[in-house]
C-alpha atoms as a PDB file:
ATOM      1  CA  MET A   1       9.080  -7.987   2.467  1.00  0.00           C
ATOM      2  CA  SER A   2       6.791  -5.008   1.814  1.00  0.00           C
ATOM      3  CA  TRP A   3       6.687  -2.196   4.375  1.00  0.00           C
ATOM      4  CA  PRO A   4       3.143  -3.145   5.544  1.00  0.00           C
ATOM      5  CA  ASP A   5       4.363  -6.705   6.162  1.00  0.00           C
ATOM      6  CA  ALA A   6       7.510  -5.416   7.872  1.00  0.00           C
ATOM      7  CA  LEU A   7       5.462  -3.152  10.147  1.00  0.00           C
ATOM      8  CA  GLY A   8       3.094  -6.018  10.946  1.00  0.00           C
ATOM      9  CA  ALA A   9       6.041  -8.255  11.818  1.00  0.00           C
ATOM     10  CA  PHE A  10       7.527  -5.531  13.999  1.00  0.00           C
ATOM     11  CA  LEU A  11       4.254  -4.962  15.847  1.00  0.00           C
ATOM     12  CA  ALA A  12       3.877  -8.706  16.389  1.00  0.00           C
ATOM     13  CA  ALA A  13       7.313  -8.799  18.036  1.00  0.00           C
ATOM     14  CA  VAL A  14       6.697  -6.056  20.597  1.00  0.00           C
ATOM     15  CA  ALA A  15       4.617  -6.259  23.743  1.00  0.00           C
ATOM     16  CA  PRO A  16       1.054  -4.909  23.498  1.00  0.00           C
ATOM     17  CA  PRO A  17       0.765  -1.327  24.692  1.00  0.00           C
ATOM     18  CA  ASP A  18      -0.837  -0.467  27.983  1.00  0.00           C
ATOM     19  CA  LYS A  19      -1.724   3.007  26.808  1.00  0.00           C
ATOM     20  CA  VAL A  20      -2.301   4.574  23.426  1.00  0.00           C
ATOM     21  CA  GLU A  21      -2.444   8.262  22.568  1.00  0.00           C
ATOM     22  CA  THR A  22      -4.611   9.916  19.930  1.00  0.00           C
ATOM     23  CA  TRP A  23      -3.392  12.891  17.864  1.00  0.00           C
ATOM     24  CA  PRO A  24      -6.388  15.025  16.753  1.00  0.00           C
ATOM     25  CA  GLU A  25      -4.154  17.829  15.440  1.00  0.00           C
ATOM     26  CA  VAL A  26      -2.376  15.369  13.126  1.00  0.00           C
ATOM     27  CA  GLU A  27      -5.730  13.912  12.081  1.00  0.00           C
ATOM     28  CA  ALA A  28      -6.794  17.445  11.069  1.00  0.00           C
ATOM     29  CA  LEU A  29      -3.521  17.977   9.185  1.00  0.00           C
ATOM     30  CA  ILE A  30      -4.027  14.741   7.245  1.00  0.00           C
ATOM     31  CA  PHE A  31      -7.643  15.655   6.493  1.00  0.00           C
ATOM     32  CA  ASN A  32      -6.660  19.124   5.242  1.00  0.00           C
ATOM     33  CA  GLU A  33      -3.738  17.857   3.134  1.00  0.00           C
ATOM     34  CA  THR A  34      -5.969  15.180   1.628  1.00  0.00           C
ATOM     35  CA  ASN A  35      -8.497  17.840   0.636  1.00  0.00           C
ATOM     36  CA  SER A  36      -5.696  19.989  -0.815  1.00  0.00           C
ATOM     37  CA  ALA A  37      -4.728  17.056  -3.027  1.00  0.00           C
ATOM     38  CA  ARG A  38      -8.363  16.670  -4.121  1.00  0.00           C
ATOM     39  CA  ARG A  39      -8.637  20.374  -4.944  1.00  0.00           C
ATOM     40  CA  ARG A  40      -5.453  20.212  -7.054  1.00  0.00           C
ATOM     41  CA  GLU A  41      -7.153  17.468  -9.086  1.00  0.00           C
ATOM     42  CA  ARG A  42     -10.425  19.440  -9.279  1.00  0.00           C
ATOM     43  CA  ARG A  43     -12.281  17.025  -7.007  1.00  0.00           C
ATOM     44  CA  THR A  44     -14.857  18.030  -4.428  1.00  0.00           C
ATOM     45  CA  PRO A  45     -13.298  18.198  -0.944  1.00  0.00           C
ATOM     46  CA  PHE A  46     -14.262  15.539   1.570  1.00  0.00           C
ATOM     47  CA  ILE A  47     -16.684  16.264   4.389  1.00  0.00           C
ATOM     48  CA  TRP A  48     -15.285  15.402   7.830  1.00  0.00           C
ATOM     49  CA  ASP A  49     -17.239  12.550   9.353  1.00  0.00           C
ATOM     50  CA  ALA A  50     -17.001  11.810  13.065  1.00  0.00           C
ATOM     51  CA  ARG A  51     -18.306   8.252  12.576  1.00  0.00           C
ATOM     52  CA  ALA A  52     -15.569   7.500  10.047  1.00  0.00           C
ATOM     53  CA  ALA A  53     -13.013   9.069  12.416  1.00  0.00           C
ATOM     54  CA  ALA A  54     -14.272   6.859  15.257  1.00  0.00           C
ATOM     55  CA  ALA A  55     -13.978   3.776  13.027  1.00  0.00           C
ATOM     56  CA  ALA A  56     -10.451   4.848  12.000  1.00  0.00           C
ATOM     57  CA  ARG A  57      -9.312   5.465  15.594  1.00  0.00           C
ATOM     58  CA  LEU A  58     -10.764   2.194  16.856  1.00  0.00           C
ATOM     59  CA  HIS A  59      -9.061   0.227  14.075  1.00  0.00           C
ATOM     60  CA  THR A  60      -5.758   1.994  14.705  1.00  0.00           C
ATOM     61  CA  GLU A  61      -5.952   1.280  18.436  1.00  0.00           C
ATOM     62  CA  ASP A  62      -6.916  -2.335  17.729  1.00  0.00           C
ATOM     63  CA  MET A  63      -3.905  -2.795  15.412  1.00  0.00           C
ATOM     64  CA  LEU A  64      -1.551  -1.442  18.077  1.00  0.00           C
ATOM     65  CA  ARG A  65      -3.097  -3.417  20.933  1.00  0.00           C
ATOM     66  CA  ARG A  66      -3.360  -6.702  19.003  1.00  0.00           C
ATOM     67  CA  ARG A  67      -0.106  -6.182  17.078  1.00  0.00           C
ATOM     68  CA  TYR A  68      -1.143  -6.443  13.434  1.00  0.00           C
ATOM     69  CA  PHE A  69      -1.161  -4.088  10.428  1.00  0.00           C
ATOM     70  CA  LYS A  70      -3.918  -5.058   8.009  1.00  0.00           C
ATOM     71  CA  HIS A  71      -7.210  -3.786   6.650  1.00  0.00           C
ATOM     72  CA  GLN A  72      -9.000  -6.810   8.054  1.00  0.00           C
ATOM     73  CA  SER A  73      -8.850  -7.453  11.783  1.00  0.00           C
ATOM     74  CA  PRO A  74      -7.854 -10.901  13.097  1.00  0.00           C
ATOM     75  CA  ASP A  75     -11.535 -11.612  13.797  1.00  0.00           C
ATOM     76  CA  GLY A  76     -12.462 -10.805  10.187  1.00  0.00           C
ATOM     77  CA  ARG A  77     -13.887  -7.277  10.541  1.00  0.00           C
ATOM     78  CA  SER A  78     -13.554  -4.999   7.521  1.00  0.00           C
ATOM     79  CA  VAL A  79     -13.747  -1.237   7.118  1.00  0.00           C
ATOM     80  CA  GLY A  80     -17.431  -1.649   6.222  1.00  0.00           C
ATOM     81  CA  ASP A  81     -18.057  -3.544   9.457  1.00  0.00           C
ATOM     82  CA  ARG A  82     -16.281  -0.839  11.452  1.00  0.00           C
ATOM     83  CA  LEU A  83     -18.292   1.931   9.777  1.00  0.00           C
ATOM     84  CA  LYS A  84     -21.543   0.100  10.502  1.00  0.00           C
ATOM     85  CA  ARG A  85     -20.518  -0.363  14.127  1.00  0.00           C
ATOM     86  CA  ALA A  86     -19.801   3.403  14.331  1.00  0.00           C
ATOM     87  CA  GLY A  87     -23.339   4.130  13.110  1.00  0.00           C
ATOM     88  CA  ALA A  88     -22.640   5.043   9.476  1.00  0.00           C
ATOM     89  CA  LYS A  89     -24.767   3.840   6.591  1.00  0.00           C
ATOM     90  CA  TRP A  90     -22.676   3.519   3.467  1.00  0.00           C
ATOM     91  CA  THR A  91     -22.897   2.340  -0.131  1.00  0.00           C
ATOM     92  CA  ARG A  92     -19.165   2.519  -0.913  1.00  0.00           C
ATOM     93  CA  CYS A  93     -16.221   2.624   1.464  1.00  0.00           C
ATOM     94  CA  ALA A  94     -12.440   2.436   1.415  1.00  0.00           C
ATOM     95  CA  GLU A  95      -9.527   2.658   3.820  1.00  0.00           C
ATOM     96  CA  ASN A  96      -5.880   3.735   3.759  1.00  0.00           C
ATOM     97  CA  LEU A  97      -3.313   2.667   6.383  1.00  0.00           C
ATOM     98  CA  TYR A  98       0.095   4.167   7.123  1.00  0.00           C
ATOM     99  CA  GLY A  99       2.442   3.207   9.916  1.00  0.00           C
ATOM    100  CA  GLN A 100       5.845   4.068  11.241  1.00  0.00           C
ATOM    101  CA  PRO A 101       7.583   1.905  13.853  1.00  0.00           C
ATOM    102  CA  THR A 102      10.014   3.205  16.411  1.00  0.00           C
ATOM    103  CA  LEU A 103       9.471   6.924  16.053  1.00  0.00           C
ATOM    104  CA  SER A 104      11.892   8.091  18.727  1.00  0.00           C
ATOM    105  CA  ARG A 105      10.050  11.255  19.752  1.00  0.00           C
ATOM    106  CA  PHE A 106       6.418  12.255  19.781  1.00  0.00           C
ATOM    107  CA  GLY A 107       6.725  16.020  19.752  1.00  0.00           C
ATOM    108  CA  GLU A 108       4.539  18.277  17.647  1.00  0.00           C
ATOM    109  CA  LYS A 109       7.232  18.654  14.977  1.00  0.00           C
ATOM    110  CA  GLU A 110       7.732  14.888  14.600  1.00  0.00           C
ATOM    111  CA  MET A 111       4.020  14.181  14.508  1.00  0.00           C
ATOM    112  CA  ARG A 112       3.411  16.871  11.871  1.00  0.00           C
ATOM    113  CA  ALA A 113       6.206  15.320   9.787  1.00  0.00           C
ATOM    114  CA  PHE A 114       4.510  11.934  10.231  1.00  0.00           C
ATOM    115  CA  GLY A 115       1.212  13.391   8.953  1.00  0.00           C
ATOM    116  CA  HIS A 116       2.903  14.904   5.890  1.00  0.00           C
ATOM    117  CA  ALA A 117       4.713  11.609   5.227  1.00  0.00           C
ATOM    118  CA  ALA A 118       1.460   9.627   5.451  1.00  0.00           C
ATOM    119  CA  VAL A 119      -0.340  11.770   2.874  1.00  0.00           C
ATOM    120  CA  GLY A 120       2.750  11.812   0.636  1.00  0.00           C
ATOM    121  CA  ALA A 121       3.011   8.016   0.726  1.00  0.00           C
ATOM    122  CA  TRP A 122      -0.692   7.569  -0.042  1.00  0.00           C
ATOM    123  CA  LEU A 123      -0.472   9.931  -3.009  1.00  0.00           C
ATOM    124  CA  LYS A 124       2.515   8.002  -4.417  1.00  0.00           C
ATOM    125  CA  SER A 125       0.737   4.638  -4.186  1.00  0.00           C
ATOM    126  CA  LYS A 126      -1.725   3.916  -7.008  1.00  0.00           C
ATOM    127  CA  GLY A 127      -4.384   2.196  -4.882  1.00  0.00           C
ATOM    128  CA  HIS A 128      -4.194   4.658  -2.012  1.00  0.00           C
ATOM    129  CA  ARG A 129      -4.221   7.613  -4.422  1.00  0.00           C
ATOM    130  CA  GLN A 130      -7.359   6.203  -6.044  1.00  0.00           C
ATOM    131  CA  ASN A 131      -9.058   6.247  -2.629  1.00  0.00           C
ATOM    132  CA  VAL A 132      -7.947   9.837  -1.982  1.00  0.00           C
ATOM    133  CA  LEU A 133      -9.167  11.068  -5.372  1.00  0.00           C
ATOM    134  CA  ALA A 134     -12.226   8.840  -5.890  1.00  0.00           C
ATOM    135  CA  PRO A 135     -15.094  11.076  -7.023  1.00  0.00           C
ATOM    136  CA  THR A 136     -17.582   8.532  -5.636  1.00  0.00           C
ATOM    137  CA  LEU A 137     -16.346   8.944  -2.037  1.00  0.00           C
ATOM    138  CA  ALA A 138     -17.635  11.990  -0.149  1.00  0.00           C
ATOM    139  CA  ARG A 139     -16.909  11.582   3.558  1.00  0.00           C
ATOM    140  CA  LEU A 140     -13.628  11.074   5.410  1.00  0.00           C
ATOM    141  CA  GLY A 141     -12.515  10.412   8.951  1.00  0.00           C
ATOM    142  CA  VAL A 142      -8.925  10.050  10.114  1.00  0.00           C
ATOM    143  CA  GLY A 143      -7.452   8.310  13.136  1.00  0.00           C
ATOM    144  CA  VAL A 144      -3.857   8.753  14.313  1.00  0.00           C
ATOM    145  CA  VAL A 145      -2.777   6.754  17.347  1.00  0.00           C
ATOM    146  CA  SER A 146       0.621   6.131  18.927  1.00  0.00           C
ATOM    147  CA  ASN A 147       2.194   4.023  21.627  1.00  0.00           C
ATOM    148  CA  ASP A 148       5.712   3.139  22.688  1.00  0.00           C
ATOM    149  CA  GLY A 149       7.341   4.560  19.567  1.00  0.00           C
ATOM    150  CA  ASN A 150       4.817   3.223  17.037  1.00  0.00           C
ATOM    151  CA  VAL A 151       2.425   5.456  15.106  1.00  0.00           C
ATOM    152  CA  ILE A 152      -0.404   4.406  12.789  1.00  0.00           C
ATOM    153  CA  ALA A 153      -2.715   6.590  10.711  1.00  0.00           C
ATOM    154  CA  VAL A 154      -5.932   5.341   9.144  1.00  0.00           C
ATOM    155  CA  GLN A 155      -8.184   7.129   6.664  1.00  0.00           C
ATOM    156  CA  VAL A 156     -11.764   5.847   6.359  1.00  0.00           C
ATOM    157  CA  PHE A 157     -13.748   7.040   3.323  1.00  0.00           C
ATOM    158  CA  PHE A 158     -17.389   6.443   2.464  1.00  0.00           C
ATOM    159  CA  THR A 159     -20.446   7.543   0.601  1.00  0.00           C
END
């Protein structure tokens, strides 16, 4: 079972959260590390986009509340649908997901480590790395949300 499937199975087995917490400082860390990776490859840095960040946060919250871990929501919504709903007009879009179940503590140190791990994992995965380095994508928003020991990060890219 792949780790996305394992995380999805884990989320399906736990009770839905009553409360979720957003982590803007970790979102900024992920954004900055992603741009560092682009600079190393001589790519233009992404522009932060609040609409993409809103789409990323809403999808992350939805995955935690409805206990799934997929690019497409159970009702069939895609990253493009989420961007449109957030008010963005796009011609190309992409999305990266990263999750970690049962993180025992949510202190600043642990959450920073989570952010570093997310970017590292994306850069090691061919498809995710392609999204990070795609010269045709210009804007990026990041959402990091936690609840009850689960943390999910989502990157939403578009042009």
